[in-house]
C-alpha cells in the first residue's frame, strides 16, 4: 500500500510483478555510506531501495519520514530535501525524461 509523505509517494515492499513491470532491475544503481547531505531533484525520480535506511527531511516542512530496504519511492521534480543516511544505501533509480 502506498503512502504519501510530504508529496513523496512511498510503497513498502511492492509486489514483484510491479517491480518487473517497471523494469527496476535494468535501472542504474547508486549507493552511498552513512552521511548527511542536501539534495535537489532536477527530474522526477523513482527509486527502489535494495539496502539501507534514510531519514528524509523535505525543505519547508516540519518533520521527516524514513525510507529503507524494500521501499519504492517517487520524488517529484523540483523537491529539495536533506538525506540523513543511517545505514548504507544501495538503490536502483529511474529519472523521468
Protein backbone atom coordinates (compact mmCIF):
# COMPACT_ATOMS: atom_id res chain seq x y z
CA UNK A 1 0.00 0.00 0.00
CA UNK A 2 1.39 3.40 -0.98
CA UNK A 3 1.54 6.33 1.38
CA UNK A 4 2.17 9.99 0.65
CA UNK A 5 4.75 11.77 2.81
CA UNK A 6 5.24 15.47 2.07
CA UNK A 7 4.44 14.87 -1.61
CA UNK A 8 6.63 11.75 -1.90
CA UNK A 9 4.84 8.52 -2.80
CA UNK A 10 6.25 5.58 -0.83
CA UNK A 11 5.24 1.96 -1.33
CA UNK A 12 6.64 -0.59 1.11
CA UNK A 13 7.50 -4.00 -0.34
CA UNK A 14 5.69 -3.67 -3.69
CA UNK A 15 4.74 -6.89 -5.48
CA UNK A 16 7.49 -8.47 -7.57
CA UNK A 17 5.15 -8.20 -10.57
CA UNK A 18 5.12 -4.39 -10.19
CA UNK A 19 8.92 -4.24 -9.99
CA UNK A 20 9.16 -6.43 -13.10
CA UNK A 21 6.62 -4.28 -14.95
CA UNK A 22 8.63 -1.13 -14.10
CA UNK A 23 11.88 -2.81 -15.20
CA UNK A 24 13.60 -1.94 -11.92
CA UNK A 25 16.50 -4.40 -12.31
CA UNK A 26 17.53 -2.67 -15.56
CA UNK A 27 17.67 0.78 -13.91
CA UNK A 28 21.07 2.28 -12.95
CA UNK A 29 22.31 1.77 -9.39
CA UNK A 30 23.53 4.31 -6.87
CA UNK A 31 24.99 3.77 -3.42
CA UNK A 32 26.48 5.72 -0.54
CA UNK A 33 27.59 5.16 3.02
CA UNK A 34 26.21 6.81 6.13
CA UNK A 35 26.22 10.59 5.61
CA UNK A 36 24.00 13.66 5.66
CA UNK A 37 23.60 15.97 2.67
CA UNK A 38 21.16 18.26 0.84
CA UNK A 39 19.72 17.10 -2.48
CA UNK A 40 17.59 18.76 -5.17
CA UNK A 41 15.61 16.60 -7.58
CA UNK A 42 16.10 18.06 -11.09
CA UNK A 43 13.76 15.42 -12.52
CA UNK A 44 11.05 13.21 -11.06
CA UNK A 45 12.94 10.23 -9.64
CA UNK A 46 11.57 6.79 -8.88
CA UNK A 47 13.82 4.68 -6.68
CA UNK A 48 13.77 1.19 -5.24
CA UNK A 49 15.96 0.70 -2.19
CA UNK A 50 17.74 -2.65 -2.10
CA UNK A 51 19.55 -1.87 1.15
CA UNK A 52 19.80 0.91 3.67
CA UNK A 53 17.81 3.36 5.73
CA UNK A 54 17.38 7.10 5.17
CA UNK A 55 15.62 9.82 7.14
CA UNK A 56 14.29 12.38 4.63
CA UNK A 57 13.59 15.99 5.63
CA UNK A 58 11.72 17.96 2.95
CA UNK A 59 12.71 21.65 2.80
CA UNK A 60 9.93 23.91 4.03
CA UNK A 61 8.18 21.18 6.06
CA UNK A 62 8.35 20.27 9.72
CA UNK A 63 9.09 16.64 10.49
CA UNK A 64 10.58 13.88 8.38
CA UNK A 65 9.93 10.38 7.10
CA UNK A 66 12.03 7.27 6.71
CA UNK A 67 12.60 5.09 3.65
CA UNK A 68 14.52 1.84 3.65
CA UNK A 69 15.19 -1.51 2.05
CA UNK A 70 12.17 -2.73 0.10
CA UNK A 71 10.66 0.73 -0.43
CA UNK A 72 9.66 2.09 -3.84
CA UNK A 73 9.60 5.90 -3.65
CA UNK A 74 8.77 8.66 -6.16
CA UNK A 75 10.25 12.11 -5.52
CA UNK A 76 8.79 14.95 -7.63
CA UNK A 77 10.90 17.22 -9.82
CA UNK A 78 11.97 20.39 -8.01
CA UNK A 79 11.77 18.93 -4.49
CA UNK A 80 14.62 19.85 -2.16
CA UNK A 81 15.46 17.52 0.71
CA UNK A 82 18.13 16.63 3.22
CA UNK A 83 19.12 12.96 3.21
CA UNK A 84 20.36 11.56 6.53
CA UNK A 85 21.69 8.14 5.55
CA UNK A 86 21.68 6.00 8.70
CA UNK A 87 22.55 2.68 7.00
CA UNK A 88 24.49 2.41 3.73
CA UNK A 89 22.15 2.77 0.75
CA UNK A 90 22.11 0.69 -2.42
CA UNK A 91 19.27 1.58 -4.78
CA UNK A 92 18.03 1.37 -8.34
CA UNK A 93 16.72 4.65 -9.76
CA UNK A 94 14.94 5.99 -12.83
CA UNK A 95 14.75 9.64 -13.88
CA UNK A 96 11.70 10.86 -15.78
CA UNK A 97 12.70 12.10 -19.22
